[in-house]
Amino acid sequence: MSIQKLVRGQVKLLELLNKQSKQIEELKQLMIETWRAEDMEENNGKFRYPFDENGNLLPNTNITGRLN
């Protein structure tokens, strides 16, 4: 393999990684919006973890799981 092919492969991998990172961030935002909407509907506007009483995401929150 030539160096040029390796470089092109690295560039392609970086592009795919950036695209996937963007998609993951969009999915996280969708999850947050869905959870917020569920709280508004099911709990009369009272927010549960991972939100504060105003519906803002708590700082340093890991949103990979949600306690019910």
Protein backbone atom coordinates (compact mmCIF):
# COMPACT_ATOMS: atom_id res chain seq x y z
CA MET A 1 0.00 0.00 0.00
CA SER A 2 1.19 3.43 -0.79
CA ILE A 3 1.33 6.27 1.69
CA GLN A 4 -1.26 8.17 -0.35
CA LYS A 5 -3.79 5.34 0.01
CA LEU A 6 -3.19 5.22 3.75
CA VAL A 7 -3.69 8.96 4.04
CA ARG A 8 -6.91 8.80 2.01
CA GLY A 9 -8.12 5.99 4.24
CA GLN A 10 -7.35 8.03 7.34
CA VAL A 11 -9.19 11.03 5.93
CA LYS A 12 -12.22 8.88 5.11
CA LEU A 13 -12.21 7.35 8.60
CA LEU A 14 -12.01 10.81 10.16
CA GLU A 15 -14.94 12.00 8.05
CA LEU A 16 -17.01 8.98 9.09
CA LEU A 17 -16.08 9.46 12.74
CA ASN A 18 -17.09 13.12 12.63
CA LYS A 19 -20.39 12.22 10.98
CA GLN A 20 -21.11 9.55 13.58
CA SER A 21 -20.22 11.91 16.43
CA LYS A 22 -22.69 14.46 15.08
CA GLN A 23 -25.40 11.79 14.83
CA ILE A 24 -24.76 10.69 18.41
CA GLU A 25 -25.05 14.28 19.63
CA GLU A 26 -28.33 14.70 17.73
CA LEU A 27 -29.65 11.48 19.29
CA LYS A 28 -28.69 12.68 22.78
CA GLN A 29 -30.57 15.94 22.20
CA LEU A 30 -33.62 14.01 20.98
CA MET A 31 -33.55 11.84 24.11
CA ILE A 32 -33.38 14.91 26.34
CA GLU A 33 -36.27 16.57 24.53
CA THR A 34 -38.33 13.36 24.75
CA TRP A 35 -37.68 12.97 28.47
CA ARG A 36 -38.57 16.61 29.07
CA ALA A 37 -41.83 16.22 27.13
CA GLU A 38 -42.69 13.03 29.05
CA ASP A 39 -42.20 14.83 32.35
CA MET A 40 -44.38 17.72 31.23
CA GLU A 41 -47.16 15.32 30.23
CA GLU A 42 -46.95 12.64 32.92
CA ASN A 43 -45.90 14.64 35.98
CA ASN A 44 -47.88 17.85 35.55
CA GLY A 45 -44.78 19.79 34.59
CA LYS A 46 -42.63 18.53 37.47
CA PHE A 47 -39.29 17.39 36.18
CA ARG A 48 -37.41 14.27 37.25
CA TYR A 49 -33.73 13.46 37.05
CA PRO A 50 -31.71 14.46 34.96
CA PHE A 51 -33.47 17.86 35.04
CA ASP A 52 -33.69 20.59 37.63
CA GLU A 53 -37.03 22.09 38.70
CA ASN A 54 -36.99 24.41 35.65
CA GLY A 55 -36.46 21.63 33.12
CA ASN A 56 -32.78 22.36 32.54
CA LEU A 57 -30.34 19.49 32.30
CA LEU A 58 -28.35 19.22 35.53
CA PRO A 59 -24.62 19.93 35.20
CA ASN A 60 -22.25 16.97 34.93
CA THR A 61 -25.14 14.65 34.06
CA ASN A 62 -24.49 11.32 32.40
CA ILE A 63 -27.50 10.71 30.16
CA THR A 64 -26.61 7.17 29.15
CA GLY A 65 -29.33 5.93 31.47
CA ARG A 66 -32.31 7.36 33.28
CA LEU A 67 -33.67 6.32 36.62
CA ASN A 68 -37.45 6.03 36.69
